[in-house]
Protein backbone atom coordinates (compact mmCIF):
# COMPACT_ATOMS: atom_id res chain seq x y z
CA UNK A 1 -20.01 9.06 -19.68
CA UNK A 2 -22.21 6.77 -17.58
CA UNK A 3 -20.58 5.83 -14.27
CA UNK A 4 -17.21 6.84 -15.63
CA UNK A 5 -15.33 7.10 -12.34
CA UNK A 6 -16.19 3.64 -11.04
CA UNK A 7 -15.49 2.12 -14.44
CA UNK A 8 -11.98 3.61 -14.22
CA UNK A 9 -11.49 2.04 -10.79
CA UNK A 10 -12.57 -1.35 -12.10
CA UNK A 11 -10.14 -0.92 -15.00
CA UNK A 12 -7.21 -0.49 -12.63
CA UNK A 13 -8.22 -3.56 -10.62
CA UNK A 14 -8.56 -5.56 -13.83
CA UNK A 15 -5.17 -4.34 -15.02
CA UNK A 16 -3.33 -5.35 -11.88
CA UNK A 17 -4.94 -8.78 -11.72
CA UNK A 18 -4.18 -9.42 -15.38
CA UNK A 19 -0.59 -8.47 -14.54
CA UNK A 20 -0.59 -11.09 -11.79
CA UNK A 21 -1.91 -13.67 -14.24
CA UNK A 22 0.96 -12.88 -16.57
CA UNK A 23 3.40 -13.33 -13.70
CA UNK A 24 1.91 -16.72 -12.81
CA UNK A 25 2.10 -17.82 -16.44
CA UNK A 26 5.72 -16.66 -16.63
CA UNK A 27 6.52 -18.59 -13.42
CA UNK A 28 4.77 -21.73 -14.73
CA UNK A 29 6.76 -21.60 -17.97
CA UNK A 30 10.03 -21.27 -16.01
CA UNK A 31 9.11 -24.25 -13.83
CA UNK A 32 8.29 -26.41 -16.84
CA UNK A 33 11.51 -25.39 -18.62
CA UNK A 34 13.66 -26.22 -15.57
CA UNK A 35 11.85 -29.43 -14.66
CA UNK A 36 10.57 -28.05 -11.35
CA UNK A 37 7.09 -28.77 -10.02
CA UNK A 38 4.53 -26.01 -10.48
CA UNK A 39 2.49 -25.50 -7.32
CA UNK A 40 -0.97 -23.99 -7.26
CA UNK A 41 -3.99 -24.02 -4.99
CA UNK A 42 -6.75 -26.59 -5.56
CA UNK A 43 -9.31 -24.02 -6.63
CA UNK A 44 -7.92 -21.63 -9.19
CA UNK A 45 -8.94 -17.99 -8.60
CA UNK A 46 -10.47 -16.12 -11.53
CA UNK A 47 -7.24 -14.42 -12.50
CA UNK A 48 -5.43 -17.78 -12.89
CA UNK A 49 -8.07 -19.30 -15.16
CA UNK A 50 -6.38 -18.45 -18.48
CA UNK A 51 -7.19 -14.78 -17.94
CA UNK A 52 -3.93 -13.83 -19.66
CA UNK A 53 -5.25 -15.28 -22.90
CA UNK A 54 -8.93 -14.30 -22.36
CA UNK A 55 -9.64 -10.72 -23.34
CA UNK A 56 -13.36 -11.07 -22.57
CA UNK A 57 -12.81 -10.57 -18.82
CA UNK A 58 -14.53 -7.37 -17.74
CA UNK A 59 -13.96 -7.34 -13.99
CA UNK A 60 -12.43 -9.42 -11.19
CA UNK A 61 -14.62 -11.52 -8.92
CA UNK A 62 -14.04 -10.36 -5.36
CA UNK A 63 -16.73 -12.33 -3.53
CA UNK A 64 -14.84 -15.56 -2.75
CA UNK A 65 -11.55 -13.97 -1.58
CA UNK A 66 -13.56 -11.35 0.34
CA UNK A 67 -15.35 -14.10 2.29
CA UNK A 68 -12.10 -16.00 2.85
CA UNK A 69 -10.34 -12.91 4.18
CA UNK A 70 -13.29 -12.13 6.46
CA UNK A 71 -12.92 -15.61 7.96
CA UNK A 72 -9.19 -15.12 8.42
CA UNK A 73 -9.79 -11.66 9.94
CA UNK A 74 -12.14 -13.22 12.50
CA UNK A 75 -9.71 -16.02 13.36
CA UNK A 76 -6.82 -13.64 13.94
CA UNK A 77 -8.77 -11.23 16.12
CA UNK A 78 -10.39 -14.06 18.09
CA UNK A 79 -6.94 -15.46 18.82
CA UNK A 80 -6.74 -12.93 21.67
CA UNK A 81 -9.98 -14.12 23.23
CA UNK A 82 -9.47 -14.83 26.93
CA UNK A 83 -6.14 -13.02 27.02
CA UNK A 84 -5.59 -11.34 30.39
CA UNK A 85 -4.89 -7.62 30.44
CA UNK A 86 -2.59 -6.27 33.13
CA UNK A 87 -3.91 -3.48 35.38
CA UNK A 88 -3.19 -0.13 33.77
CA UNK A 89 -3.10 -1.62 30.25
CA UNK A 90 -6.85 -1.56 29.69
CA UNK A 91 -6.27 0.86 26.82
CA UNK A 92 -4.62 -1.97 24.87
CA UNK A 93 -7.77 -4.06 25.12
CA UNK A 94 -9.71 -1.26 23.44
CA UNK A 95 -7.94 -2.17 20.20
CA UNK A 96 -10.44 -5.02 20.00
CA UNK A 97 -13.28 -2.48 19.96
CA UNK A 98 -11.90 -1.08 16.73
CA UNK A 99 -11.37 -4.58 15.32
CA UNK A 100 -15.01 -5.47 15.98
CA UNK A 101 -16.22 -2.18 14.49
CA UNK A 102 -14.12 -2.75 11.36
CA UNK A 103 -15.24 -6.38 11.02
CA UNK A 104 -18.92 -5.43 11.12
CA UNK A 105 -18.42 -2.64 8.57
CA UNK A 106 -16.75 -5.15 6.23
CA UNK A 107 -19.63 -7.61 6.63
CA UNK A 108 -22.15 -4.84 5.90
CA UNK A 109 -20.29 -3.89 2.72
CA UNK A 110 -20.65 -7.43 1.40
CA UNK A 111 -24.25 -7.78 2.55
CA UNK A 112 -25.36 -4.53 0.90
CA UNK A 113 -23.94 -5.65 -2.45
CA UNK A 114 -26.91 -8.05 -2.68
CA UNK A 115 -30.28 -6.92 -4.10
CA UNK A 116 -32.95 -5.67 -1.73
CA UNK A 117 -36.69 -5.21 -2.19
CA UNK A 118 -38.13 -1.71 -2.20
CA UNK A 119 -41.81 -1.89 -1.18
CA UNK A 120 -43.40 1.55 -0.91
CA UNK A 121 -47.09 1.35 0.06
CA UNK A 122 -49.31 0.70 -2.95
CA UNK A 123 -46.40 0.34 -5.39
CA UNK A 124 -45.10 -2.93 -6.93
CA UNK A 125 -41.89 -4.20 -5.34
CA UNK A 126 -38.65 -3.17 -7.05
CA UNK A 127 -35.26 -4.85 -6.64
CA UNK A 128 -32.30 -2.54 -6.08
CA UNK A 129 -28.75 -2.52 -4.67
CA UNK A 130 -28.08 0.28 -2.21
CA UNK A 131 -24.66 1.20 -3.61
CA UNK A 132 -24.77 4.63 -1.96
CA UNK A 133 -24.83 3.09 1.52
CA UNK A 134 -22.00 0.74 0.52
CA UNK A 135 -19.83 3.77 -0.31
CA UNK A 136 -20.62 5.42 3.03
CA UNK A 137 -19.83 2.28 5.03
CA UNK A 138 -16.63 1.73 3.04
CA UNK A 139 -15.45 5.16 4.12
CA UNK A 140 -16.27 4.30 7.75
CA UNK A 141 -14.36 1.02 7.42
CA UNK A 142 -11.32 2.77 6.00
CA UNK A 143 -11.28 5.38 8.76
CA UNK A 144 -11.69 2.67 11.40
CA UNK A 145 -8.65 0.82 10.06
CA UNK A 146 -6.63 4.04 9.92
CA UNK A 147 -7.48 4.87 13.55
CA UNK A 148 -6.45 1.34 14.52
CA UNK A 149 -3.17 1.66 12.65
CA UNK A 150 -2.45 5.17 13.98
CA UNK A 151 -3.03 4.20 17.60
CA UNK A 152 -1.97 0.55 17.72
CA UNK A 153 -0.21 -0.27 14.45
CA UNK A 154 3.34 0.70 15.40
CA UNK A 155 5.20 -1.62 17.74
CA UNK A 156 5.94 1.24 20.15
CA UNK A 157 3.83 0.96 23.37
CA UNK A 158 4.69 4.44 24.78
CA UNK A 159 3.73 6.13 21.50
CA UNK A 160 0.59 3.99 21.24
CA UNK A 161 -0.40 4.91 24.80
CA UNK A 162 0.13 8.61 24.03
CA UNK A 163 -1.92 8.43 20.84
CA UNK A 164 -4.66 6.48 22.61
CA UNK A 165 -4.85 9.21 25.25
CA UNK A 166 -5.20 11.96 22.61
CA UNK A 167 -7.85 9.92 20.75
CA UNK A 168 -9.72 9.23 24.00
CA UNK A 169 -9.51 12.91 25.00
CA UNK A 170 -10.94 13.94 21.62
CA UNK A 171 -13.91 11.65 22.10
CA UNK A 172 -14.69 12.94 25.58
CA UNK A 173 -14.44 16.57 24.45
CA UNK A 174 -16.80 15.82 21.54
CA UNK A 175 -19.33 14.43 24.00
CA UNK A 176 -19.09 17.60 26.10
CA UNK A 177 -20.53 19.53 23.14
CA UNK A 178 -23.75 17.51 23.13
CA UNK A 179 -26.85 18.98 24.77
CA UNK A 180 -29.66 17.13 26.53
CA UNK A 181 -33.20 18.37 27.19
CA UNK A 182 -33.45 16.65 30.58
CA UNK A 183 -31.54 18.53 33.28
CA UNK A 184 -30.15 16.44 36.09
CA UNK A 185 -30.34 13.37 33.88
CA UNK A 186 -28.00 10.40 33.79
CA UNK A 187 -26.34 12.03 30.80
CA UNK A 188 -25.43 15.10 32.88
CA UNK A 189 -23.84 12.79 35.43
CA UNK A 190 -21.86 11.17 32.65
CA UNK A 191 -20.63 14.56 31.42
CA UNK A 192 -19.52 15.52 34.92
CA UNK A 193 -17.52 12.32 35.23
CA UNK A 194 -16.03 12.93 31.78
CA UNK A 195 -14.77 16.36 32.87
CA UNK A 196 -12.73 14.74 35.63
CA UNK A 197 -11.30 12.24 33.14
CA UNK A 198 -10.49 15.08 30.72
CA UNK A 199 -8.38 16.78 33.38
CA UNK A 200 -6.52 13.53 34.10
CA UNK A 201 -5.88 12.85 30.41
CA UNK A 202 -4.59 16.36 29.71
CA UNK A 203 -2.11 16.07 32.57
CA UNK A 204 -0.91 12.66 31.35
CA UNK A 205 -0.59 13.90 27.76
CA UNK A 206 1.43 16.96 28.78
CA UNK A 207 3.76 14.76 30.85
CA UNK A 208 4.50 12.44 27.91
CA UNK A 209 7.86 12.74 26.07
CA UNK A 210 5.88 12.43 22.83
CA UNK A 211 4.05 15.68 23.61
CA UNK A 212 7.17 17.86 23.55
CA UNK A 213 7.94 16.69 19.99
CA UNK A 214 4.95 18.73 18.75
CA UNK A 215 5.18 22.46 17.98
CA UNK A 216 3.45 24.68 20.54
CA UNK A 217 0.45 25.33 18.29
CA UNK A 218 -0.12 21.62 17.72
CA UNK A 219 0.26 20.94 21.43
CA UNK A 220 -2.67 23.27 22.08
CA UNK A 221 -4.69 21.47 19.43
CA UNK A 222 -3.94 18.09 20.99
CA UNK A 223 -5.18 19.34 24.36
CA UNK A 224 -8.30 20.67 22.61
CA UNK A 225 -9.09 17.19 21.28
CA UNK A 226 -7.61 17.37 17.77
CA UNK A 227 -5.85 14.00 18.02
CA UNK A 228 -4.85 13.97 14.33
CA UNK A 229 -3.15 17.36 14.50
CA UNK A 230 -0.01 17.46 12.35
CA UNK A 231 -1.32 14.67 10.12
CA UNK A 232 -4.41 13.69 8.12
CA UNK A 233 -6.15 10.60 6.80
CA UNK A 234 -3.96 10.52 3.69
CA UNK A 235 -0.74 10.71 5.70
CA UNK A 236 -1.89 7.89 7.98
CA UNK A 237 -2.91 5.79 4.95
CA UNK A 238 0.55 6.17 3.42
CA UNK A 239 2.14 5.19 6.75
CA UNK A 240 -0.11 2.11 6.76
CA UNK A 241 1.18 1.11 3.31
CA UNK A 242 -1.42 2.52 0.91
CA UNK A 243 -0.44 4.29 -2.29
CA UNK A 244 -1.35 7.96 -1.92
CA UNK A 245 -3.06 8.34 -5.31
CA UNK A 246 -5.06 5.14 -4.89
CA UNK A 247 -6.17 6.11 -1.39
CA UNK A 248 -7.04 9.69 -2.37
CA UNK A 249 -9.12 8.51 -5.33
CA UNK A 250 -11.11 5.92 -3.41
CA UNK A 251 -11.49 7.93 -0.20
CA UNK A 252 -12.56 11.06 -2.04
CA UNK A 253 -15.13 9.08 -3.99
CA UNK A 254 -16.58 7.57 -0.79
CA UNK A 255 -16.60 10.98 0.93
CA UNK A 256 -18.60 12.33 -2.00
CA UNK A 257 -21.35 9.84 -1.17
CA UNK A 258 -21.14 10.59 2.56
CA UNK A 259 -21.56 14.34 1.89
CA UNK A 260 -24.08 14.01 -0.98
CA UNK A 261 -21.85 15.41 -3.72
CA UNK A 262 -23.30 16.05 -7.16
CA UNK A 263 -21.50 12.98 -8.56
CA UNK A 264 -23.11 10.74 -5.95
CA UNK A 265 -26.57 12.00 -6.89
CA UNK A 266 -25.84 11.73 -10.63
CA UNK A 267 -24.58 8.15 -10.35
CA UNK A 268 -27.58 7.22 -8.25
CA UNK A 269 -29.89 8.59 -10.93
CA UNK A 270 -28.04 6.97 -13.83
CA UNK A 271 -27.69 3.52 -12.24
CA UNK A 272 -31.23 2.43 -13.03
CA UNK A 273 -30.69 -1.33 -13.41
CA UNK A 274 -29.24 -3.94 -11.09
CA UNK A 275 -26.14 -4.48 -13.24
CA UNK A 276 -25.07 -0.83 -12.97
CA UNK A 277 -25.93 -0.68 -9.27
CA UNK A 278 -23.98 -3.89 -8.64
CA UNK A 279 -20.94 -2.52 -10.45
CA UNK A 280 -20.98 0.64 -8.33
CA UNK A 281 -21.34 -1.42 -5.15
CA UNK A 282 -18.79 -4.14 -5.88
CA UNK A 283 -15.98 -1.67 -6.48
CA UNK A 284 -16.03 -1.39 -2.70
CA UNK A 285 -15.36 -5.11 -2.30
CA UNK A 286 -12.03 -4.44 -3.98
CA UNK A 287 -11.36 -1.57 -1.60
CA UNK A 288 -12.43 -3.83 1.28
CA UNK A 289 -9.88 -6.44 0.18
CA UNK A 290 -7.17 -3.82 0.44
CA UNK A 291 -8.38 -2.72 3.89
CA UNK A 292 -8.45 -6.32 5.14
CA UNK A 293 -5.04 -7.32 3.84
CA UNK A 294 -3.42 -4.16 5.23
CA UNK A 295 -5.17 -4.76 8.56
CA UNK A 296 -4.10 -8.42 8.70
CA UNK A 297 -0.48 -7.54 8.03
CA UNK A 298 -0.54 -4.76 10.64
CA UNK A 299 -2.37 -6.84 13.26
CA UNK A 300 -0.09 -9.86 12.86
CA UNK A 301 3.00 -7.66 13.26
CA UNK A 302 1.93 -6.51 16.72
CA UNK A 303 -0.14 -9.45 18.05
CA UNK A 304 1.83 -12.61 18.72
CA UNK A 305 -1.12 -15.03 18.61
CA UNK A 306 -2.18 -13.71 15.20
CA UNK A 307 1.38 -13.91 13.93
CA UNK A 308 1.57 -17.55 15.04
CA UNK A 309 -1.62 -18.43 13.13
CA UNK A 310 -0.27 -16.96 9.90
CA UNK A 311 3.12 -18.58 10.43
CA UNK A 312 1.45 -21.99 10.66
CA UNK A 313 -0.91 -21.54 7.70
CA UNK A 314 0.87 -21.16 4.33
CA UNK A 315 -2.45 -21.05 2.48
CA UNK A 316 -3.60 -18.08 4.57
CA UNK A 317 -0.33 -16.27 3.86
CA UNK A 318 -0.73 -16.90 0.14
CA UNK A 319 -4.29 -15.56 0.28
CA UNK A 320 -3.16 -12.34 1.97
CA UNK A 321 -0.15 -11.85 -0.30
CA UNK A 322 -2.24 -12.52 -3.40
CA UNK A 323 -4.63 -9.66 -2.66
CA UNK A 324 -2.35 -7.27 -0.81
CA UNK A 325 -1.10 -4.63 -3.22
CA UNK A 326 1.82 -2.64 -1.86
CA UNK A 327 2.29 1.03 -2.66
CA UNK A 328 5.03 0.29 -5.21
CA UNK A 329 2.75 -2.09 -7.11
CA UNK A 330 0.16 0.69 -7.46
CA UNK A 331 2.93 3.07 -8.48
CA UNK A 332 3.86 0.66 -11.30
CA UNK A 333 0.26 0.90 -12.50
CA UNK A 334 -0.12 4.65 -12.24
CA UNK A 335 3.34 5.37 -13.65
CA UNK A 336 4.51 2.35 -15.67
CA UNK A 337 8.28 1.90 -15.95
CA UNK A 338 10.02 1.65 -19.34
CA UNK A 339 9.57 -1.73 -21.00
CA UNK A 340 12.95 -3.28 -20.06
CA UNK A 341 12.67 -2.15 -16.44
CA UNK A 342 9.04 -3.30 -16.29
CA UNK A 343 10.11 -6.80 -17.40
CA UNK A 344 12.75 -6.86 -14.65
CA UNK A 345 10.14 -5.86 -12.04
CA UNK A 346 7.85 -8.60 -13.33
CA UNK A 347 10.61 -11.19 -12.94
CA UNK A 348 11.60 -10.00 -9.44
CA UNK A 349 8.04 -10.15 -8.04
CA UNK A 350 6.88 -13.39 -9.66
CA UNK A 351 7.99 -15.67 -6.83
CA UNK A 352 6.36 -13.58 -4.10
CA UNK A 353 2.98 -13.83 -5.79
CA UNK A 354 3.21 -17.61 -6.29
CA UNK A 355 4.51 -18.71 -2.90
């Protein structure tokens, strides 16, 4: 019963990476049989190191690919450094704000998976891993990516501009609800300026062709700041390429920690040693890998400089493809096909995972 949910998540990650090992082994055998050269990277990842034969493997090692993908993430986003933004297109530059926010969340996830020292006054120091905070930040990272994808991920500038306006309007209206104790303060001046911007945004939103596509009730909600009206986090995740069941499981688990669910308190109490705390924390490295690979694919589709970097770096493409699990791949795990069909799927996807 201990830590049952996270153990299940690790099981699914282990299962899919063992499947990839089987595919690599199958590909290697075909190459040897046909006399072709078998290509592989210089440093074999954990799931290539005879993991098909080894049944002692208990979990994948995410740390090295996580660091490599963080580096690639940084390179792709920095490829736009110094790029000039045309007057009136400042909203496009704000995509980089979300990229920076996401990048720092992803770094914090990795950092918090390392032990920390707890030193209450007069008590001997105790090492611990703050897995609860990792879960909370993972949720924030996921939502940041989904906002990025919803606003900027589709190669449709008019729609992106419309969605940016609704997102911007929602933020300004949220700030109007805040109260300050100091009357006549700088904050009051800020709120007054925001009210003028709110009026401008509402007029621009109502004039957009995208606005008329919404039912009347949802139009009112958009103008009231509900920028996600007509959709939800799960719908956006599916549009971004996530499997709905996988996303719902992981996101719900992270939300439980953010809102102090009973399960979050129970797991915190039961995880009394570093090994259990590490296991609960490192599940989120796997989720972070999925966030990064989905982000990289989305970003490189819409940003030419990022696309050029990937096009010129086969090793980077292999890294992304190796850890990017498409919705259908998760579907094959959750609902395995009959044996004959499963073998056909294995054969069809082998080459993609070894390129």
